[in-house]
Amino acid sequence: MEFKETQAIFLQIAAYICEQILLGRWSEGDRVLSIREMGAALEVNPNTVIRTYEFLQNKEIIFNKRGVGYFINENAGQKIIEYRRKEFLEQELPLIFKNMKLLGMTLETFEKEYNNYLNSK
C-alpha cells in the first residue's frame, strides 16, 4: 500500500479496509488481521493500526472479541456507505461544485460526463 501525504495514514488504512468490505472481499463475521499482522503487512507502526481499529470500532464497522481479535460487524457495508456518503456530501461535493462554478460547467455537462463514466465501466 502506498500512502499519500494528504491524509492521515490511519484513515487511509481504514479506507482500504472499508473498500475490501464493499468489494465483498471481506464479509460480515470475518476476522480482521491482528494489529501486529496488519502492521507488518502494511509496514506501519502497530500504534497506527490501533488508531485505525479504534476509528472503525467507533463507526461500528468492526468489533473486538477480547482475546480473540477483531471482526467485521454485521451491517458493516451499510455503515460504511452511510459514513462515506456523509463524508462525500460534506467534504468532496462542495469542492466539486466550486470547481464547476470556476470552470463554467453546468449540471448538464456534469450529468453527461457522469453518464459517460457509467457507460465505460
C-alpha atoms as a PDB file:
ATOM      1  CA  MET A   1       0.000   0.000   0.000  1.00  0.00           C
ATOM      2  CA  GLU A   2       1.351   3.414  -0.949  1.00  0.00           C
ATOM      3  CA  PHE A   3       0.324   6.191   1.385  1.00  0.00           C
ATOM      4  CA  LYS A   4      -0.485   9.760   0.364  1.00  0.00           C
ATOM      5  CA  GLU A   5       0.788  12.706   2.346  1.00  0.00           C
ATOM      6  CA  THR A   6      -2.572  14.483   2.130  1.00  0.00           C
ATOM      7  CA  GLN A   7      -4.393  12.235   4.617  1.00  0.00           C
ATOM      8  CA  ALA A   8      -3.539  10.566   7.916  1.00  0.00           C
ATOM      9  CA  ILE A   9      -2.219   7.021   7.438  1.00  0.00           C
ATOM     10  CA  PHE A  10      -4.746   5.505   9.850  1.00  0.00           C
ATOM     11  CA  LEU A  11      -7.587   6.965   7.737  1.00  0.00           C
ATOM     12  CA  GLN A  12      -6.052   5.553   4.561  1.00  0.00           C
ATOM     13  CA  ILE A  13      -5.847   2.113   6.180  1.00  0.00           C
ATOM     14  CA  ALA A  14      -9.471   2.464   7.322  1.00  0.00           C
ATOM     15  CA  ALA A  15     -10.484   3.379   3.757  1.00  0.00           C
ATOM     16  CA  TYR A  16      -8.639   0.300   2.468  1.00  0.00           C
ATOM     17  CA  ILE A  17     -10.444  -1.972   4.923  1.00  0.00           C
ATOM     18  CA  CYS A  18     -13.795  -0.399   4.067  1.00  0.00           C
ATOM     19  CA  GLU A  19     -13.103  -0.850   0.363  1.00  0.00           C
ATOM     20  CA  GLN A  20     -12.358  -4.549   0.897  1.00  0.00           C
ATOM     21  CA  ILE A  21     -15.700  -4.921   2.669  1.00  0.00           C
ATOM     22  CA  LEU A  22     -17.647  -3.034  -0.010  1.00  0.00           C
ATOM     23  CA  LEU A  23     -15.981  -5.101  -2.747  1.00  0.00           C
ATOM     24  CA  GLY A  24     -17.089  -8.278  -0.948  1.00  0.00           C
ATOM     25  CA  ARG A  25     -13.538  -9.496  -0.308  1.00  0.00           C
ATOM     26  CA  TRP A  26     -14.170  -9.401   3.451  1.00  0.00           C
ATOM     27  CA  SER A  27     -17.596 -10.376   4.794  1.00  0.00           C
ATOM     28  CA  GLU A  28     -19.592  -9.880   7.972  1.00  0.00           C
ATOM     29  CA  GLY A  29     -18.151 -12.036  10.719  1.00  0.00           C
ATOM     30  CA  ASP A  30     -14.739 -12.409   9.049  1.00  0.00           C
ATOM     31  CA  ARG A  31     -11.734 -11.960  11.289  1.00  0.00           C
ATOM     32  CA  VAL A  32      -9.567  -8.948  10.530  1.00  0.00           C
ATOM     33  CA  LEU A  33      -5.794  -9.294  10.690  1.00  0.00           C
ATOM     34  CA  SER A  34      -4.405  -8.772  14.178  1.00  0.00           C
ATOM     35  CA  ILE A  35      -2.821  -5.425  14.970  1.00  0.00           C
ATOM     36  CA  ARG A  36       0.654  -6.868  14.555  1.00  0.00           C
ATOM     37  CA  GLU A  37      -0.231  -8.762  11.365  1.00  0.00           C
ATOM     38  CA  MET A  38      -1.788  -5.672   9.778  1.00  0.00           C
ATOM     39  CA  GLY A  39       1.149  -3.517  10.866  1.00  0.00           C
ATOM     40  CA  ALA A  40       3.629  -5.950   9.341  1.00  0.00           C
ATOM     41  CA  ALA A  41       1.591  -6.394   6.144  1.00  0.00           C
ATOM     42  CA  LEU A  42       1.325  -2.636   5.573  1.00  0.00           C
ATOM     43  CA  GLU A  43       4.735  -1.789   7.062  1.00  0.00           C
ATOM     44  CA  VAL A  44       3.296   0.657   9.593  1.00  0.00           C
ATOM     45  CA  ASN A  45       3.635   1.103  13.321  1.00  0.00           C
ATOM     46  CA  PRO A  46       1.181  -1.037  15.337  1.00  0.00           C
ATOM     47  CA  ASN A  47       0.004   2.162  17.064  1.00  0.00           C
ATOM     48  CA  THR A  48      -1.244   3.372  13.674  1.00  0.00           C
ATOM     49  CA  VAL A  49      -3.222   0.151  13.254  1.00  0.00           C
ATOM     50  CA  ILE A  50      -4.649   0.582  16.768  1.00  0.00           C
ATOM     51  CA  ARG A  51      -5.884   4.061  15.774  1.00  0.00           C
ATOM     52  CA  THR A  52      -7.403   2.573  12.629  1.00  0.00           C
ATOM     53  CA  TYR A  53      -9.198  -0.182  14.508  1.00  0.00           C
ATOM     54  CA  GLU A  54     -10.465   2.244  17.168  1.00  0.00           C
ATOM     55  CA  PHE A  55     -11.774   4.511  14.413  1.00  0.00           C
ATOM     56  CA  LEU A  56     -13.547   1.600  12.696  1.00  0.00           C
ATOM     57  CA  GLN A  57     -14.954   0.384  16.029  1.00  0.00           C
ATOM     58  CA  ASN A  58     -16.391   3.848  16.697  1.00  0.00           C
ATOM     59  CA  LYS A  59     -18.060   3.700  13.267  1.00  0.00           C
ATOM     60  CA  GLU A  60     -19.424   0.218  14.181  1.00  0.00           C
ATOM     61  CA  ILE A  61     -17.662  -1.350  11.189  1.00  0.00           C
ATOM     62  CA  ILE A  62     -15.563  -3.795  13.216  1.00  0.00           C
ATOM     63  CA  PHE A  63     -15.798  -5.130  16.755  1.00  0.00           C
ATOM     64  CA  ASN A  64     -13.358  -6.681  19.174  1.00  0.00           C
ATOM     65  CA  LYS A  65     -13.781 -10.065  20.845  1.00  0.00           C
ATOM     66  CA  ARG A  66     -11.444  -9.819  23.800  1.00  0.00           C
ATOM     67  CA  GLY A  67      -8.591 -12.248  23.480  1.00  0.00           C
ATOM     68  CA  VAL A  68      -9.744 -13.429  20.047  1.00  0.00           C
ATOM     69  CA  GLY A  69      -9.351 -10.454  17.700  1.00  0.00           C
ATOM     70  CA  TYR A  70     -11.271  -8.019  15.540  1.00  0.00           C
ATOM     71  CA  PHE A  71     -14.152  -8.993  13.289  1.00  0.00           C
ATOM     72  CA  ILE A  72     -16.295  -7.378  10.588  1.00  0.00           C
ATOM     73  CA  ASN A  73     -19.524  -6.195  12.159  1.00  0.00           C
ATOM     74  CA  GLU A  74     -22.996  -7.130  10.993  1.00  0.00           C
ATOM     75  CA  ASN A  75     -24.274  -4.462   8.552  1.00  0.00           C
ATOM     76  CA  ALA A  76     -20.716  -3.118   8.152  1.00  0.00           C
ATOM     77  CA  GLY A  77     -21.312  -2.469   4.455  1.00  0.00           C
ATOM     78  CA  GLN A  78     -24.324  -0.284   5.174  1.00  0.00           C
ATOM     79  CA  LYS A  79     -22.444   1.589   7.926  1.00  0.00           C
ATOM     80  CA  ILE A  80     -19.585   2.249   5.501  1.00  0.00           C
ATOM     81  CA  ILE A  81     -21.942   3.544   2.812  1.00  0.00           C
ATOM     82  CA  GLU A  82     -23.668   5.861   5.291  1.00  0.00           C
ATOM     83  CA  TYR A  83     -20.346   7.175   6.610  1.00  0.00           C
ATOM     84  CA  ARG A  84     -18.792   7.644   3.150  1.00  0.00           C
ATOM     85  CA  ARG A  85     -21.898   9.326   1.719  1.00  0.00           C
ATOM     86  CA  LYS A  86     -21.938  11.801   4.586  1.00  0.00           C
ATOM     87  CA  GLU A  87     -18.210  12.456   4.156  1.00  0.00           C
ATOM     88  CA  PHE A  88     -18.634  12.898   0.383  1.00  0.00           C
ATOM     89  CA  LEU A  89     -21.563  15.304   0.731  1.00  0.00           C
ATOM     90  CA  GLU A  90     -19.829  17.412   3.385  1.00  0.00           C
ATOM     91  CA  GLN A  91     -16.238  17.412   2.125  1.00  0.00           C
ATOM     92  CA  GLU A  92     -15.892  16.484  -1.530  1.00  0.00           C
ATOM     93  CA  LEU A  93     -19.092  17.692  -3.187  1.00  0.00           C
ATOM     94  CA  PRO A  94     -18.645  21.357  -2.172  1.00  0.00           C
ATOM     95  CA  LEU A  95     -15.202  21.299  -3.816  1.00  0.00           C
ATOM     96  CA  ILE A  96     -16.682  19.760  -6.976  1.00  0.00           C
ATOM     97  CA  PHE A  97     -19.374  22.459  -7.068  1.00  0.00           C
ATOM     98  CA  LYS A  98     -16.770  25.190  -6.532  1.00  0.00           C
ATOM     99  CA  ASN A  99     -14.671  23.866  -9.424  1.00  0.00           C
ATOM    100  CA  MET A 100     -17.729  23.531 -11.648  1.00  0.00           C
ATOM    101  CA  LYS A 101     -18.567  27.179 -10.992  1.00  0.00           C
ATOM    102  CA  LEU A 102     -14.977  28.330 -11.600  1.00  0.00           C
ATOM    103  CA  LEU A 103     -14.817  26.350 -14.857  1.00  0.00           C
ATOM    104  CA  GLY A 104     -18.246  27.455 -16.047  1.00  0.00           C
ATOM    105  CA  MET A 105     -19.613  23.919 -16.049  1.00  0.00           C
ATOM    106  CA  THR A 106     -23.324  23.220 -15.821  1.00  0.00           C
ATOM    107  CA  LEU A 107     -25.139  20.336 -14.186  1.00  0.00           C
ATOM    108  CA  GLU A 108     -25.986  19.117 -17.689  1.00  0.00           C
ATOM    109  CA  THR A 109     -22.267  18.883 -18.520  1.00  0.00           C
ATOM    110  CA  PHE A 110     -21.638  17.092 -15.256  1.00  0.00           C
ATOM    111  CA  GLU A 111     -24.517  14.672 -15.878  1.00  0.00           C
ATOM    112  CA  LYS A 112     -23.246  13.920 -19.392  1.00  0.00           C
ATOM    113  CA  GLU A 113     -19.739  13.163 -18.093  1.00  0.00           C
ATOM    114  CA  TYR A 114     -21.147  11.072 -15.266  1.00  0.00           C
ATOM    115  CA  ASN A 115     -23.222   9.017 -17.710  1.00  0.00           C
ATOM    116  CA  ASN A 116     -20.145   8.552 -19.952  1.00  0.00           C
ATOM    117  CA  TYR A 117     -18.256   7.296 -16.907  1.00  0.00           C
ATOM    118  CA  LEU A 118     -21.006   4.819 -16.003  1.00  0.00           C
ATOM    119  CA  ASN A 119     -21.230   3.544 -19.591  1.00  0.00           C
ATOM    120  CA  SER A 120     -17.479   2.982 -19.785  1.00  0.00           C
ATOM    121  CA  LYS A 121     -17.451   0.771 -16.667  1.00  0.00           C
END
